[in-house]
C-alpha atoms as a PDB file:
ATOM      1  CA  MET A   1      56.438 279.954-306.160  1.00  0.00           C
ATOM      2  CA  GLY A   2      54.687 276.731-305.095  1.00  0.00           C
ATOM      3  CA  ASN A   3      53.595 275.762-308.599  1.00  0.00           C
ATOM      4  CA  VAL A   4      57.055 276.435-310.018  1.00  0.00           C
ATOM      5  CA  VAL A   5      58.668 274.251-307.339  1.00  0.00           C
ATOM      6  CA  LYS A   6      56.087 271.529-307.893  1.00  0.00           C
ATOM      7  CA  ASP A   7      56.638 271.635-311.663  1.00  0.00           C
ATOM      8  CA  HIS A   8      60.398 271.251-311.194  1.00  0.00           C
ATOM      9  CA  ILE A   9      59.882 268.326-308.836  1.00  0.00           C
ATOM     10  CA  ILE A  10      57.604 266.678-311.401  1.00  0.00           C
ATOM     11  CA  GLU A  11      60.267 267.166-314.097  1.00  0.00           C
ATOM     12  CA  ASN A  12      62.797 265.446-311.831  1.00  0.00           C
ATOM     13  CA  LEU A  13      60.386 262.649-310.918  1.00  0.00           C
ATOM     14  CA  LYS A  14      59.964 261.915-314.615  1.00  0.00           C
ATOM     15  CA  GLU A  15      63.658 260.930-314.544  1.00  0.00           C
ATOM     16  CA  VAL A  16      63.070 258.319-311.801  1.00  0.00           C
ATOM     17  CA  TYR A  17      62.318 254.840-313.088  1.00  0.00           C
ATOM     18  CA  ASP A  18      61.066 251.746-311.359  1.00  0.00           C
ATOM     19  CA  PRO A  19      64.030 249.434-312.066  1.00  0.00           C
ATOM     20  CA  GLU A  20      61.696 246.632-313.119  1.00  0.00           C
ATOM     21  CA  ILE A  21      59.627 248.765-315.511  1.00  0.00           C
ATOM     22  CA  SER A  22      60.906 251.027-318.282  1.00  0.00           C
ATOM     23  CA  VAL A  23      58.491 253.853-317.426  1.00  0.00           C
ATOM     24  CA  ASN A  24      59.094 256.711-315.005  1.00  0.00           C
ATOM     25  CA  ILE A  25      57.301 256.642-311.657  1.00  0.00           C
ATOM     26  CA  TYR A  26      55.335 259.822-312.356  1.00  0.00           C
ATOM     27  CA  ASP A  27      53.777 258.525-315.582  1.00  0.00           C
ATOM     28  CA  LEU A  28      53.226 255.152-313.921  1.00  0.00           C
ATOM     29  CA  GLY A  29      50.885 256.956-311.534  1.00  0.00           C
ATOM     30  CA  LEU A  30      52.930 256.101-308.454  1.00  0.00           C
ATOM     31  CA  ILE A  31      53.049 259.710-307.223  1.00  0.00           C
ATOM     32  CA  TYR A  32      49.829 260.524-305.374  1.00  0.00           C
ATOM     33  CA  ASP A  33      50.620 263.978-303.989  1.00  0.00           C
ATOM     34  CA  ILE A  34      53.318 266.633-303.950  1.00  0.00           C
ATOM     35  CA  ASP A  35      52.622 268.972-301.041  1.00  0.00           C
ATOM     36  CA  VAL A  36      54.583 272.229-301.101  1.00  0.00           C
ATOM     37  CA  SER A  37      52.364 274.042-298.573  1.00  0.00           C
ATOM     38  CA  GLN A  38      55.121 273.945-295.933  1.00  0.00           C
ATOM     39  CA  PHE A  39      57.870 275.099-298.302  1.00  0.00           C
ATOM     40  CA  PRO A  40      60.871 274.815-298.008  1.00  0.00           C
ATOM     41  CA  LYS A  41      59.750 271.402-296.713  1.00  0.00           C
ATOM     42  CA  VAL A  42      58.056 269.223-299.328  1.00  0.00           C
ATOM     43  CA  THR A  43      56.034 266.072-298.684  1.00  0.00           C
ATOM     44  CA  ILE A  44      55.606 263.539-301.474  1.00  0.00           C
ATOM     45  CA  THR A  45      53.102 260.720-301.097  1.00  0.00           C
ATOM     46  CA  HIS A  46      53.594 257.749-303.372  1.00  0.00           C
ATOM     47  CA  THR A  47      52.867 254.088-303.778  1.00  0.00           C
ATOM     48  CA  LEU A  48      54.686 251.131-305.299  1.00  0.00           C
ATOM     49  CA  THR A  49      53.515 248.714-307.963  1.00  0.00           C
ATOM     50  CA  SER A  50      53.688 246.004-305.291  1.00  0.00           C
ATOM     51  CA  ALA A  51      53.953 245.968-301.510  1.00  0.00           C
ATOM     52  CA  PHE A  52      56.818 243.535-302.024  1.00  0.00           C
ATOM     53  CA  CYS A  53      58.772 245.735-304.456  1.00  0.00           C
ATOM     54  CA  PRO A  54      62.452 244.843-304.033  1.00  0.00           C
ATOM     55  CA  ALA A  55      63.510 248.318-305.181  1.00  0.00           C
ATOM     56  CA  SER A  56      61.382 250.247-302.680  1.00  0.00           C
ATOM     57  CA  ASP A  57      64.340 251.731-300.763  1.00  0.00           C
ATOM     58  CA  GLU A  58      65.997 252.839-304.001  1.00  0.00           C
ATOM     59  CA  ILE A  59      62.772 254.406-305.262  1.00  0.00           C
ATOM     60  CA  VAL A  60      62.223 256.311-301.989  1.00  0.00           C
ATOM     61  CA  ARG A  61      65.799 257.640-302.108  1.00  0.00           C
ATOM     62  CA  SER A  62      65.310 258.713-305.728  1.00  0.00           C
ATOM     63  CA  ILE A  63      62.032 260.478-304.926  1.00  0.00           C
ATOM     64  CA  ARG A  64      63.703 262.394-302.090  1.00  0.00           C
ATOM     65  CA  GLN A  65      66.640 263.290-304.344  1.00  0.00           C
ATOM     66  CA  ALA A  66      64.275 264.496-307.082  1.00  0.00           C
ATOM     67  CA  ALA A  67      62.788 266.984-304.629  1.00  0.00           C
ATOM     68  CA  ILE A  68      65.822 268.231-302.724  1.00  0.00           C
ATOM     69  CA  THR A  69      67.744 269.042-305.898  1.00  0.00           C
ATOM     70  CA  VAL A  70      65.105 271.675-306.712  1.00  0.00           C
ATOM     71  CA  GLU A  71      66.293 275.143-305.743  1.00  0.00           C
ATOM     72  CA  GLY A  72      64.884 276.260-302.409  1.00  0.00           C
ATOM     73  CA  VAL A  73      63.747 272.838-301.203  1.00  0.00           C
ATOM     74  CA  ALA A  74      65.422 272.181-297.856  1.00  0.00           C
ATOM     75  CA  GLU A  75      63.719 268.962-296.809  1.00  0.00           C
ATOM     76  CA  CYS A  76      61.608 266.221-298.359  1.00  0.00           C
ATOM     77  CA  GLU A  77      59.460 263.776-296.471  1.00  0.00           C
ATOM     78  CA  VAL A  78      58.493 260.739-298.532  1.00  0.00           C
ATOM     79  CA  VAL A  79      55.329 258.938-297.462  1.00  0.00           C
ATOM     80  CA  THR A  80      54.670 255.461-298.846  1.00  0.00           C
ATOM     81  CA  THR A  81      51.049 254.338-298.924  1.00  0.00           C
ATOM     82  CA  PHE A  82      49.102 251.492-300.449  1.00  0.00           C
ATOM     83  CA  THR A  83      45.743 253.249-300.256  1.00  0.00           C
ATOM     84  CA  PRO A  84      44.453 253.423-302.855  1.00  0.00           C
ATOM     85  CA  ALA A  85      46.132 250.379-304.300  1.00  0.00           C
ATOM     86  CA  PHE A  86      48.027 250.867-307.562  1.00  0.00           C
ATOM     87  CA  THR A  87      46.157 249.879-310.718  1.00  0.00           C
ATOM     88  CA  GLN A  88      46.940 250.334-314.408  1.00  0.00           C
ATOM     89  CA  ASP A  89      44.181 252.958-314.550  1.00  0.00           C
ATOM     90  CA  MET A  90      46.557 255.333-312.702  1.00  0.00           C
ATOM     91  CA  MET A  91      49.066 255.257-315.550  1.00  0.00           C
ATOM     92  CA  SER A  92      49.327 258.095-318.057  1.00  0.00           C
ATOM     93  CA  ASP A  93      48.413 257.366-321.668  1.00  0.00           C
ATOM     94  CA  GLU A  94      52.121 257.605-322.534  1.00  0.00           C
ATOM     95  CA  ALA A  95      52.972 254.959-319.931  1.00  0.00           C
ATOM     96  CA  LYS A  96      50.220 252.670-321.196  1.00  0.00           C
ATOM     97  CA  MET A  97      51.489 253.003-324.758  1.00  0.00           C
ATOM     98  CA  ALA A  98      55.083 252.365-323.695  1.00  0.00           C
ATOM     99  CA  MET A  99      53.994 249.186-321.955  1.00  0.00           C
ATOM    100  CA  GLY A 100      51.617 248.073-324.713  1.00  0.00           C
ATOM    101  CA  ILE A 101      48.502 248.408-322.534  1.00  0.00           C
ATOM    102  CA  TRP A 102      45.413 249.558-324.419  1.00  0.00           C
END
């Protein structure tokens, strides 16, 4: 059950975009952990491209929404961290190509 829930959350997270970048937050490497061990509560740990990201509140709301719309998820805690700091190395190959980084 846990892997299925996690996979659905990942699918939803791939629909969440940083408003300043045309790549979804999952492929950007901003999602550090999706913990479903306390299901139906889910905890998602993420970072932002910058500590001063003006869209941080919107991104957190979208992350929470991506999780709670998955069947069976009753609660989602979103934890923002800056450790480790975001780097382009965290991005998927698809994200790097979309942004012209190679």
